């Protein structure tokens, strides 16, 4: 009964675990030390300036509910593992400017 239940419920609860969504390579990366005062547009502008405009299908930059400030990290999904390696090569050690309000 449990195996039958997993067969139907597991893909609905966690669609990324479903066989139709599985990838052979990891393409999601977490960028740390994003300035709290930045918004999504600031972060995307830097990524586009670095040449990743067409290589990023998804970006998530969580913000605090009440202050609406960034939490200091962003989740970036790239189209291939080769793009991830290039992204790491270009972004690692790059200091994101912290604009003064």
PDB file of N, CA and C in Angstrom:
ATOM      1  N   UNK A   1       0.834  -1.192   0.000  1.00  0.00           N
ATOM      2  CA  UNK A   1       0.000   0.000   0.000  1.00  0.00           C
ATOM      3  C   UNK A   1       0.875   1.251   0.000  1.00  0.00           C
ATOM      4  N   UNK A   2       1.954   1.232   0.793  1.00  0.00           N
ATOM      5  CA  UNK A   2       2.825   2.402   0.873  1.00  0.00           C
ATOM      6  C   UNK A   2       3.509   2.700  -0.460  1.00  0.00           C
ATOM      7  N   UNK A   3       3.944   1.662  -1.154  1.00  0.00           N
ATOM      8  CA  UNK A   3       4.587   1.888  -2.455  1.00  0.00           C
ATOM      9  C   UNK A   3       3.601   2.456  -3.465  1.00  0.00           C
ATOM     10  N   UNK A   4       2.363   2.016  -3.414  1.00  0.00           N
ATOM     11  CA  UNK A   4       1.336   2.543  -4.307  1.00  0.00           C
ATOM     12  C   UNK A   4       1.036   4.001  -3.975  1.00  0.00           C
ATOM     13  N   UNK A   5       1.025   4.327  -2.690  1.00  0.00           N
ATOM     14  CA  UNK A   5       0.783   5.698  -2.244  1.00  0.00           C
ATOM     15  C   UNK A   5       1.917   6.610  -2.706  1.00  0.00           C
ATOM     16  N   UNK A   6       3.162   6.172  -2.569  1.00  0.00           N
ATOM     17  CA  UNK A   6       4.306   6.961  -3.023  1.00  0.00           C
ATOM     18  C   UNK A   6       4.250   7.190  -4.527  1.00  0.00           C
ATOM     19  N   UNK A   7       3.800   6.197  -5.253  1.00  0.00           N
ATOM     20  CA  UNK A   7       3.744   6.288  -6.701  1.00  0.00           C
ATOM     21  C   UNK A   7       2.836   7.434  -7.151  1.00  0.00           C
ATOM     22  N   UNK A   8       1.753   7.682  -6.428  1.00  0.00           N
ATOM     23  CA  UNK A   8       0.812   8.717  -6.824  1.00  0.00           C
ATOM     24  C   UNK A   8       1.020  10.046  -6.124  1.00  0.00           C
ATOM     25  N   UNK A   9       1.401  10.030  -4.874  1.00  0.00           N
ATOM     26  CA  UNK A   9       1.509  11.270  -4.114  1.00  0.00           C
ATOM     27  C   UNK A   9       2.884  11.904  -4.238  1.00  0.00           C
ATOM     28  N   UNK A  10       3.940  11.127  -4.240  1.00  0.00           N
ATOM     29  CA  UNK A  10       5.300  11.667  -4.258  1.00  0.00           C
ATOM     30  C   UNK A  10       5.545  12.628  -5.424  1.00  0.00           C
ATOM     31  N   UNK A  11       5.182  12.287  -6.671  1.00  0.00           N
ATOM     32  CA  UNK A  11       5.398  13.244  -7.763  1.00  0.00           C
ATOM     33  C   UNK A  11       4.554  14.504  -7.650  1.00  0.00           C
ATOM     34  N   UNK A  12       3.387  14.423  -7.014  1.00  0.00           N
ATOM     35  CA  UNK A  12       2.556  15.608  -6.868  1.00  0.00           C
ATOM     36  C   UNK A  12       3.115  16.552  -5.816  1.00  0.00           C
ATOM     37  N   UNK A  13       3.667  16.011  -4.728  1.00  0.00           N
ATOM     38  CA  UNK A  13       4.188  16.855  -3.666  1.00  0.00           C
ATOM     39  C   UNK A  13       5.537  17.462  -4.026  1.00  0.00           C
ATOM     40  N   UNK A  14       6.379  16.700  -4.681  1.00  0.00           N
ATOM     41  CA  UNK A  14       7.718  17.152  -5.041  1.00  0.00           C
ATOM     42  C   UNK A  14       7.923  16.910  -6.533  1.00  0.00           C
ATOM     43  N   UNK A  15       7.439  17.804  -7.401  1.00  0.00           N
ATOM     44  CA  UNK A  15       7.517  17.542  -8.834  1.00  0.00           C
ATOM     45  C   UNK A  15       8.945  17.416  -9.349  1.00  0.00           C
ATOM     46  N   UNK A  16       9.918  18.026  -8.695  1.00  0.00           N
ATOM     47  CA  UNK A  16      11.293  17.919  -9.163  1.00  0.00           C
ATOM     48  C   UNK A  16      11.831  16.501  -8.969  1.00  0.00           C
ATOM     49  N   UNK A  17      11.215  15.726  -8.099  1.00  0.00           N
ATOM     50  CA  UNK A  17      11.660  14.354  -7.876  1.00  0.00           C
ATOM     51  C   UNK A  17      11.026  13.393  -8.876  1.00  0.00           C
ATOM     52  N   UNK A  18      10.039  13.860  -9.594  1.00  0.00           N
ATOM     53  CA  UNK A  18       9.378  13.019 -10.591  1.00  0.00           C
ATOM     54  C   UNK A  18      10.342  12.714 -11.729  1.00  0.00           C
ATOM     55  N   UNK A  19      10.212  11.569 -12.326  1.00  0.00           N
ATOM     56  CA  UNK A  19      11.153  11.153 -13.367  1.00  0.00           C
ATOM     57  C   UNK A  19      11.118  12.071 -14.586  1.00  0.00           C
ATOM     58  N   UNK A  20      10.009  12.721 -14.848  1.00  0.00           N
ATOM     59  CA  UNK A  20       9.943  13.589 -16.026  1.00  0.00           C
ATOM     60  C   UNK A  20      10.709  14.895 -15.813  1.00  0.00           C
ATOM     61  N   UNK A  21      11.053  15.234 -14.571  1.00  0.00           N
ATOM     62  CA  UNK A  21      11.771  16.470 -14.289  1.00  0.00           C
ATOM     63  C   UNK A  21      13.242  16.244 -13.962  1.00  0.00           C
ATOM     64  N   UNK A  22      13.691  15.009 -13.892  1.00  0.00           N
ATOM     65  CA  UNK A  22      15.067  14.755 -13.485  1.00  0.00           C
ATOM     66  C   UNK A  22      16.049  15.226 -14.540  1.00  0.00           C
ATOM     67  N   UNK A  23      17.138  15.832 -14.062  1.00  0.00           N
ATOM     68  CA  UNK A  23      18.209  16.271 -14.941  1.00  0.00           C
ATOM     69  C   UNK A  23      19.422  15.401 -14.696  1.00  0.00           C
ATOM     70  N   UNK A  24      20.256  15.289 -15.686  1.00  0.00           N
ATOM     71  CA  UNK A  24      21.473  14.514 -15.529  1.00  0.00           C
ATOM     72  C   UNK A  24      22.601  15.370 -14.962  1.00  0.00           C
ATOM     73  N   UNK A  25      22.446  16.674 -14.978  1.00  0.00           N
ATOM     74  CA  UNK A  25      23.477  17.555 -14.453  1.00  0.00           C
ATOM     75  C   UNK A  25      22.858  18.605 -13.539  1.00  0.00           C
ATOM     76  N   UNK A  26      23.631  19.056 -12.585  1.00  0.00           N
ATOM     77  CA  UNK A  26      23.161  20.062 -11.641  1.00  0.00           C
ATOM     78  C   UNK A  26      23.420  21.443 -12.212  1.00  0.00           C
ATOM     79  N   UNK A  27      22.377  22.274 -12.232  1.00  0.00           N
ATOM     80  CA  UNK A  27      22.511  23.588 -12.857  1.00  0.00           C
ATOM     81  C   UNK A  27      22.050  24.732 -11.961  1.00  0.00           C
ATOM     82  N   UNK A  28      21.756  24.465 -10.703  1.00  0.00           N
ATOM     83  CA  UNK A  28      21.295  25.502  -9.791  1.00  0.00           C
ATOM     84  C   UNK A  28      22.400  25.848  -8.819  1.00  0.00           C
ATOM     85  N   UNK A  29      22.574  27.142  -8.568  1.00  0.00           N
ATOM     86  CA  UNK A  29      23.654  27.610  -7.705  1.00  0.00           C
ATOM     87  C   UNK A  29      23.111  28.690  -6.768  1.00  0.00           C
ATOM     88  N   UNK A  30      23.689  28.793  -5.580  1.00  0.00           N
ATOM     89  CA  UNK A  30      23.317  29.821  -4.614  1.00  0.00           C
ATOM     90  C   UNK A  30      24.419  30.869  -4.593  1.00  0.00           C
ATOM     91  N   UNK A  31      24.030  32.116  -4.795  1.00  0.00           N
ATOM     92  CA  UNK A  31      24.974  33.233  -4.737  1.00  0.00           C
ATOM     93  C   UNK A  31      24.813  33.881  -3.374  1.00  0.00           C
ATOM     94  N   UNK A  32      25.889  33.878  -2.605  1.00  0.00           N
ATOM     95  CA  UNK A  32      25.833  34.457  -1.252  1.00  0.00           C
ATOM     96  C   UNK A  32      26.358  35.891  -1.266  1.00  0.00           C
ATOM     97  N   UNK A  33      26.120  36.590  -0.177  1.00  0.00           N
ATOM     98  CA  UNK A  33      26.601  37.959   0.058  1.00  0.00           C
ATOM     99  C   UNK A  33      26.018  38.966  -0.936  1.00  0.00           C
ATOM    100  N   UNK A  34      24.752  38.787  -1.271  1.00  0.00           N
ATOM    101  CA  UNK A  34      24.043  39.793  -2.066  1.00  0.00           C
ATOM    102  C   UNK A  34      23.647  40.907  -1.102  1.00  0.00           C
ATOM    103  N   UNK A  35      23.972  42.168  -1.415  1.00  0.00           N
ATOM    104  CA  UNK A  35      23.648  43.274  -0.497  1.00  0.00           C
ATOM    105  C   UNK A  35      22.158  43.317  -0.164  1.00  0.00           C
ATOM    106  N   UNK A  36      21.865  43.581   1.107  1.00  0.00           N
ATOM    107  CA  UNK A  36      20.474  43.606   1.573  1.00  0.00           C
ATOM    108  C   UNK A  36      19.648  44.691   0.897  1.00  0.00           C
ATOM    109  N   UNK A  37      20.291  45.766   0.472  1.00  0.00           N
ATOM    110  CA  UNK A  37      19.548  46.877  -0.126  1.00  0.00           C
ATOM    111  C   UNK A  37      19.207  46.642  -1.588  1.00  0.00           C
ATOM    112  N   UNK A  38      19.688  45.550  -2.165  1.00  0.00           N
ATOM    113  CA  UNK A  38      19.451  45.272  -3.570  1.00  0.00           C
ATOM    114  C   UNK A  38      18.078  44.682  -3.810  1.00  0.00           C
ATOM    115  N   UNK A  39      17.542  44.987  -4.967  1.00  0.00           N
ATOM    116  CA  UNK A  39      16.325  44.352  -5.432  1.00  0.00           C
ATOM    117  C   UNK A  39      16.662  43.370  -6.540  1.00  0.00           C
ATOM    118  N   UNK A  40      15.669  42.713  -7.048  1.00  0.00           N
ATOM    119  CA  UNK A  40      15.876  41.736  -8.114  1.00  0.00           C
ATOM    120  C   UNK A  40      16.480  42.384  -9.359  1.00  0.00           C
ATOM    121  N   UNK A  41      16.030  43.595  -9.684  1.00  0.00           N
ATOM    122  CA  UNK A  41      16.528  44.256 -10.896  1.00  0.00           C
ATOM    123  C   UNK A  41      18.016  44.561 -10.792  1.00  0.00           C
ATOM    124  N   UNK A  42      18.491  44.976  -9.616  1.00  0.00           N
ATOM    125  CA  UNK A  42      19.924  45.229  -9.429  1.00  0.00           C
ATOM    126  C   UNK A  42      20.733  43.963  -9.669  1.00  0.00           C
ATOM    127  N   UNK A  43      20.265  42.869  -9.094  1.00  0.00           N
ATOM    128  CA  UNK A  43      20.977  41.604  -9.220  1.00  0.00           C
ATOM    129  C   UNK A  43      20.982  41.119 -10.668  1.00  0.00           C
ATOM    130  N   UNK A  44      19.833  41.173 -11.332  1.00  0.00           N
ATOM    131  CA  UNK A  44      19.752  40.748 -12.727  1.00  0.00           C
ATOM    132  C   UNK A  44      20.615  41.625 -13.634  1.00  0.00           C
ATOM    133  N   UNK A  45      20.710  42.911 -13.330  1.00  0.00           N
ATOM    134  CA  UNK A  45      21.543  43.804 -14.125  1.00  0.00           C
ATOM    135  C   UNK A  45      23.003  43.369 -14.101  1.00  0.00           C
ATOM    136  N   UNK A  46      23.489  42.968 -12.946  1.00  0.00           N
ATOM    137  CA  UNK A  46      24.870  42.499 -12.843  1.00  0.00           C
ATOM    138  C   UNK A  46      25.050  41.204 -13.627  1.00  0.00           C
ATOM    139  N   UNK A  47      24.092  40.295 -13.520  1.00  0.00           N
ATOM    140  CA  UNK A  47      24.196  39.034 -14.258  1.00  0.00           C
ATOM    141  C   UNK A  47      24.167  39.269 -15.764  1.00  0.00           C
ATOM    142  N   UNK A  48      23.327  40.187 -16.213  1.00  0.00           N
ATOM    143  CA  UNK A  48      23.267  40.508 -17.633  1.00  0.00           C
ATOM    144  C   UNK A  48      24.565  41.180 -18.081  1.00  0.00           C
ATOM    145  N   UNK A  49      25.092  42.081 -17.248  1.00  0.00           N
ATOM    146  CA  UNK A  49      26.350  42.773 -17.555  1.00  0.00           C
ATOM    147  C   UNK A  49      27.506  41.769 -17.674  1.00  0.00           C
ATOM    148  N   UNK A  50      27.454  40.700 -16.880  1.00  0.00           N
ATOM    149  CA  UNK A  50      28.482  39.666 -16.933  1.00  0.00           C
ATOM    150  C   UNK A  50      28.282  38.726 -18.125  1.00  0.00           C
ATOM    151  N   UNK A  51      27.185  38.872 -18.873  1.00  0.00           N
ATOM    152  CA  UNK A  51      26.975  38.089 -20.090  1.00  0.00           C
ATOM    153  C   UNK A  51      26.102  36.863 -19.946  1.00  0.00           C
ATOM    154  N   UNK A  52      25.275  36.801 -18.909  1.00  0.00           N
ATOM    155  CA  UNK A  52      24.447  35.620 -18.670  1.00  0.00           C
ATOM    156  C   UNK A  52      22.965  35.859 -18.957  1.00  0.00           C
ATOM    157  N   UNK A  53      22.645  36.837 -19.782  1.00  0.00           N
ATOM    158  CA  UNK A  53      21.240  37.189 -20.025  1.00  0.00           C
ATOM    159  C   UNK A  53      20.429  36.033 -20.605  1.00  0.00           C
ATOM    160  N   UNK A  54      20.999  35.282 -21.540  1.00  0.00           N
ATOM    161  CA  UNK A  54      20.255  34.203 -22.190  1.00  0.00           C
ATOM    162  C   UNK A  54      20.459  32.855 -21.526  1.00  0.00           C
ATOM    163  N   UNK A  55      21.296  32.796 -20.506  1.00  0.00           N
ATOM    164  CA  UNK A  55      21.654  31.528 -19.870  1.00  0.00           C
ATOM    165  C   UNK A  55      20.922  31.265 -18.562  1.00  0.00           C
ATOM    166  N   UNK A  56      20.059  32.193 -18.150  1.00  0.00           N
ATOM    167  CA  UNK A  56      19.411  32.083 -16.839  1.00  0.00           C
ATOM    168  C   UNK A  56      17.892  32.030 -17.011  1.00  0.00           C
ATOM    169  N   UNK A  57      17.288  30.834 -16.891  1.00  0.00           N
ATOM    170  CA  UNK A  57      15.833  30.753 -16.999  1.00  0.00           C
ATOM    171  C   UNK A  57      15.099  31.099 -15.702  1.00  0.00           C
ATOM    172  N   UNK A  58      15.811  31.059 -14.560  1.00  0.00           N
ATOM    173  CA  UNK A  58      15.135  31.266 -13.272  1.00  0.00           C
ATOM    174  C   UNK A  58      16.088  31.892 -12.268  1.00  0.00           C
ATOM    175  N   UNK A  59      15.611  32.916 -11.554  1.00  0.00           N
ATOM    176  CA  UNK A  59      16.336  33.533 -10.437  1.00  0.00           C
ATOM    177  C   UNK A  59      15.339  33.782  -9.320  1.00  0.00           C
ATOM    178  N   UNK A  60      15.746  33.460  -8.097  1.00  0.00           N
ATOM    179  CA  UNK A  60      14.919  33.750  -6.930  1.00  0.00           C
ATOM    180  C   UNK A  60      15.796  34.466  -5.916  1.00  0.00           C
ATOM    181  N   UNK A  61      15.368  35.646  -5.505  1.00  0.00           N
ATOM    182  CA  UNK A  61      16.081  36.392  -4.483  1.00  0.00           C
ATOM    183  C   UNK A  61      15.094  36.676  -3.343  1.00  0.00           C
ATOM    184  N   UNK A  62      15.126  35.849  -2.302  1.00  0.00           N
ATOM    185  CA  UNK A  62      14.160  36.010  -1.208  1.00  0.00           C
ATOM    186  C   UNK A  62      14.328  37.342  -0.487  1.00  0.00           C
ATOM    187  N   UNK A  63      13.203  37.912  -0.081  1.00  0.00           N
ATOM    188  CA  UNK A  63      13.209  39.154   0.686  1.00  0.00           C
ATOM    189  C   UNK A  63      12.464  38.944   2.000  1.00  0.00           C
ATOM    190  N   UNK A  64      12.815  39.756   2.983  1.00  0.00           N
ATOM    191  CA  UNK A  64      12.143  39.711   4.279  1.00  0.00           C
ATOM    192  C   UNK A  64      10.727  40.248   4.108  1.00  0.00           C
ATOM    193  N   UNK A  65       9.772  39.594   4.731  1.00  0.00           N
ATOM    194  CA  UNK A  65       8.359  39.928   4.537  1.00  0.00           C
ATOM    195  C   UNK A  65       8.028  41.364   4.948  1.00  0.00           C
ATOM    196  N   UNK A  66       8.457  41.789   6.128  1.00  0.00           N
ATOM    197  CA  UNK A  66       8.051  43.109   6.610  1.00  0.00           C
ATOM    198  C   UNK A  66       8.964  44.234   6.133  1.00  0.00           C
ATOM    199  N   UNK A  67      10.270  44.005   6.036  1.00  0.00           N
ATOM    200  CA  UNK A  67      11.181  45.076   5.629  1.00  0.00           C
ATOM    201  C   UNK A  67      11.380  45.148   4.121  1.00  0.00           C
ATOM    202  N   UNK A  68      11.048  44.075   3.417  1.00  0.00           N
ATOM    203  CA  UNK A  68      11.216  43.966   1.972  1.00  0.00           C
ATOM    204  C   UNK A  68      12.670  44.150   1.539  1.00  0.00           C
ATOM    205  N   UNK A  69      13.605  43.793   2.429  1.00  0.00           N
ATOM    206  CA  UNK A  69      15.024  43.810   2.103  1.00  0.00           C
ATOM    207  C   UNK A  69      15.465  42.399   1.736  1.00  0.00           C
ATOM    208  N   UNK A  70      16.452  42.316   0.856  1.00  0.00           N
ATOM    209  CA  UNK A  70      16.971  41.011   0.450  1.00  0.00           C
ATOM    210  C   UNK A  70      17.570  40.299   1.656  1.00  0.00           C
ATOM    211  N   UNK A  71      17.510  38.979   1.642  1.00  0.00           N
ATOM    212  CA  UNK A  71      18.040  38.185   2.750  1.00  0.00           C
ATOM    213  C   UNK A  71      19.528  37.881   2.599  1.00  0.00           C
ATOM    214  N   UNK A  72      20.156  38.376   1.536  1.00  0.00           N
ATOM    215  CA  UNK A  72      21.589  38.223   1.388  1.00  0.00           C
ATOM    216  C   UNK A  72      22.037  37.086   0.485  1.00  0.00           C
ATOM    217  N   UNK A  73      21.105  36.437  -0.193  1.00  0.00           N
ATOM    218  CA  UNK A  73      21.487  35.384  -1.134  1.00  0.00           C
ATOM    219  C   UNK A  73      20.466  35.324  -2.263  1.00  0.00           C
ATOM    220  N   UNK A  74      20.872  34.663  -3.333  1.00  0.00           N
ATOM    221  CA  UNK A  74      19.983  34.470  -4.476  1.00  0.00           C
ATOM    222  C   UNK A  74      20.191  33.063  -5.016  1.00  0.00           C
ATOM    223  N   UNK A  75      19.143  32.503  -5.561  1.00  0.00           N
ATOM    224  CA  UNK A  75      19.199  31.178  -6.165  1.00  0.00           C
ATOM    225  C   UNK A  75      19.104  31.374  -7.677  1.00  0.00           C
ATOM    226  N   UNK A  76      20.104  30.869  -8.391  1.00  0.00           N
ATOM    227  CA  UNK A  76      20.190  31.067  -9.836  1.00  0.00           C
ATOM    228  C   UNK A  76      20.214  29.709 -10.519  1.00  0.00           C
ATOM    229  N   UNK A  77      19.345  29.533 -11.512  1.00  0.00           N
ATOM    230  CA  UNK A  77      19.339  28.314 -12.311  1.00  0.00           C
ATOM    231  C   UNK A  77      19.865  28.672 -13.691  1.00  0.00           C
ATOM    232  N   UNK A  78      20.823  27.899 -14.174  1.00  0.00           N
ATOM    233  CA  UNK A  78      21.398  28.120 -15.496  1.00  0.00           C
ATOM    234  C   UNK A  78      21.015  26.978 -16.419  1.00  0.00           C
ATOM    235  N   UNK A  79      21.220  27.165 -17.714  1.00  0.00           N
ATOM    236  CA  UNK A  79      20.732  26.202 -18.686  1.00  0.00           C
ATOM    237  C   UNK A  79      21.584  24.942 -18.804  1.00  0.00           C
ATOM    238  N   UNK A  80      22.851  24.995 -18.420  1.00  0.00           N
ATOM    239  CA  UNK A  80      23.686  23.796 -18.510  1.00  0.00           C
ATOM    240  C   UNK A  80      24.795  23.862 -17.472  1.00  0.00           C
ATOM    241  N   UNK A  81      25.422  22.730 -17.244  1.00  0.00           N
ATOM    242  CA  UNK A  81      26.502  22.687 -16.272  1.00  0.00           C
ATOM    243  C   UNK A  81      27.725  23.452 -16.764  1.00  0.00           C
ATOM    244  N   UNK A  82      27.923  23.518 -18.067  1.00  0.00           N
ATOM    245  CA  UNK A  82      29.021  24.311 -18.618  1.00  0.00           C
ATOM    246  C   UNK A  82      28.822  25.794 -18.299  1.00  0.00           C
ATOM    247  N   UNK A  83      27.572  26.252 -18.363  1.00  0.00           N
ATOM    248  CA  UNK A  83      27.277  27.639 -18.004  1.00  0.00           C
ATOM    249  C   UNK A  83      27.478  27.867 -16.509  1.00  0.00           C
ATOM    250  N   UNK A  84      27.185  26.859 -15.694  1.00  0.00           N
ATOM    251  CA  UNK A  84      27.407  26.975 -14.250  1.00  0.00           C
ATOM    252  C   UNK A  84      28.895  27.151 -13.965  1.00  0.00           C
ATOM    253  N   UNK A  85      29.733  26.367 -14.630  1.00  0.00           N
ATOM    254  CA  UNK A  85      31.181  26.488 -14.421  1.00  0.00           C
ATOM    255  C   UNK A  85      31.679  27.867 -14.832  1.00  0.00           C
ATOM    256  N   UNK A  86      31.197  28.379 -15.943  1.00  0.00           N
ATOM    257  CA  UNK A  86      31.582  29.721 -16.393  1.00  0.00           C
ATOM    258  C   UNK A  86      31.070  30.783 -15.424  1.00  0.00           C
ATOM    259  N   UNK A  87      29.843  30.595 -14.933  1.00  0.00           N
ATOM    260  CA  UNK A  87      29.257  31.520 -13.962  1.00  0.00           C
ATOM    261  C   UNK A  87      30.110  31.571 -12.692  1.00  0.00           C
ATOM    262  N   UNK A  88      30.488  30.411 -12.182  1.00  0.00           N
ATOM    263  CA  UNK A  88      31.312  30.358 -10.980  1.00  0.00           C
ATOM    264  C   UNK A  88      32.659  31.032 -11.241  1.00  0.00           C
ATOM    265  N   UNK A  89      33.242  30.779 -12.404  1.00  0.00           N
ATOM    266  CA  UNK A  89      34.537  31.366 -12.750  1.00  0.00           C
ATOM    267  C   UNK A  89      34.454  32.898 -12.755  1.00  0.00           C
ATOM    268  N   UNK A  90      33.361  33.451 -13.285  1.00  0.00           N
ATOM    269  CA  UNK A  90      33.236  34.907 -13.385  1.00  0.00           C
ATOM    270  C   UNK A  90      32.765  35.567 -12.096  1.00  0.00           C
ATOM    271  N   UNK A  91      31.914  34.891 -11.338  1.00  0.00           N
ATOM    272  CA  UNK A  91      31.314  35.520 -10.158  1.00  0.00           C
ATOM    273  C   UNK A  91      32.137  35.295  -8.884  1.00  0.00           C
ATOM    274  N   UNK A  92      32.860  34.180  -8.797  1.00  0.00           N
ATOM    275  CA  UNK A  92      33.619  33.885  -7.576  1.00  0.00           C
ATOM    276  C   UNK A  92      34.628  34.997  -7.301  1.00  0.00           C
ATOM    277  N   UNK A  93      34.528  35.581  -6.126  1.00  0.00           N
ATOM    278  CA  UNK A  93      35.423  36.659  -5.737  1.00  0.00           C
ATOM    279  C   UNK A  93      34.976  38.032  -6.207  1.00  0.00           C
ATOM    280  N   UNK A  94      33.941  38.090  -7.060  1.00  0.00           N
ATOM    281  CA  UNK A  94      33.422  39.384  -7.524  1.00  0.00           C
ATOM    282  C   UNK A  94      32.654  40.038  -6.395  1.00  0.00           C
ATOM    283  N   UNK A  95      33.003  41.262  -6.063  1.00  0.00           N
ATOM    284  CA  UNK A  95      32.342  41.971  -4.973  1.00  0.00           C
ATOM    285  C   UNK A  95      31.174  42.784  -5.522  1.00  0.00           C
ATOM    286  N   UNK A  96      29.993  42.448  -5.071  1.00  0.00           N
ATOM    287  CA  UNK A  96      28.809  43.203  -5.490  1.00  0.00           C
ATOM    288  C   UNK A  96      28.782  44.520  -4.743  1.00  0.00           C
ATOM    289  N   UNK A  97      28.653  45.644  -5.463  1.00  0.00           N
ATOM    290  CA  UNK A  97      28.653  46.950  -4.777  1.00  0.00           C
ATOM    291  C   UNK A  97      27.414  47.107  -3.906  1.00  0.00           C
ATOM    292  N   UNK A  98      27.574  47.765  -2.769  1.00  0.00           N
ATOM    293  CA  UNK A  98      26.464  47.999  -1.846  1.00  0.00           C
ATOM    294  C   UNK A  98      26.088  49.472  -1.929  1.00  0.00           C
ATOM    295  N   UNK A  99      25.070  49.800  -2.742  1.00  0.00           N
ATOM    296  CA  UNK A  99      24.686  51.211  -2.883  1.00  0.00           C
ATOM    297  C   UNK A  99      24.156  51.770  -1.576  1.00  0.00           C
ATOM    298  N   UNK A 100      24.557  52.972  -1.287  1.00  0.00           N
ATOM    299  CA  UNK A 100      24.073  53.640  -0.077  1.00  0.00           C
ATOM    300  C   UNK A 100      22.692  54.215  -0.330  1.00  0.00           C
ATOM    301  N   UNK A 101      21.765  54.037   0.619  1.00  0.00           N
ATOM    302  CA  UNK A 101      20.400  54.579   0.401  1.00  0.00           C
ATOM    303  C   UNK A 101      20.357  56.086   0.503  1.00  0.00           C
TER     304      UNK A 101
END
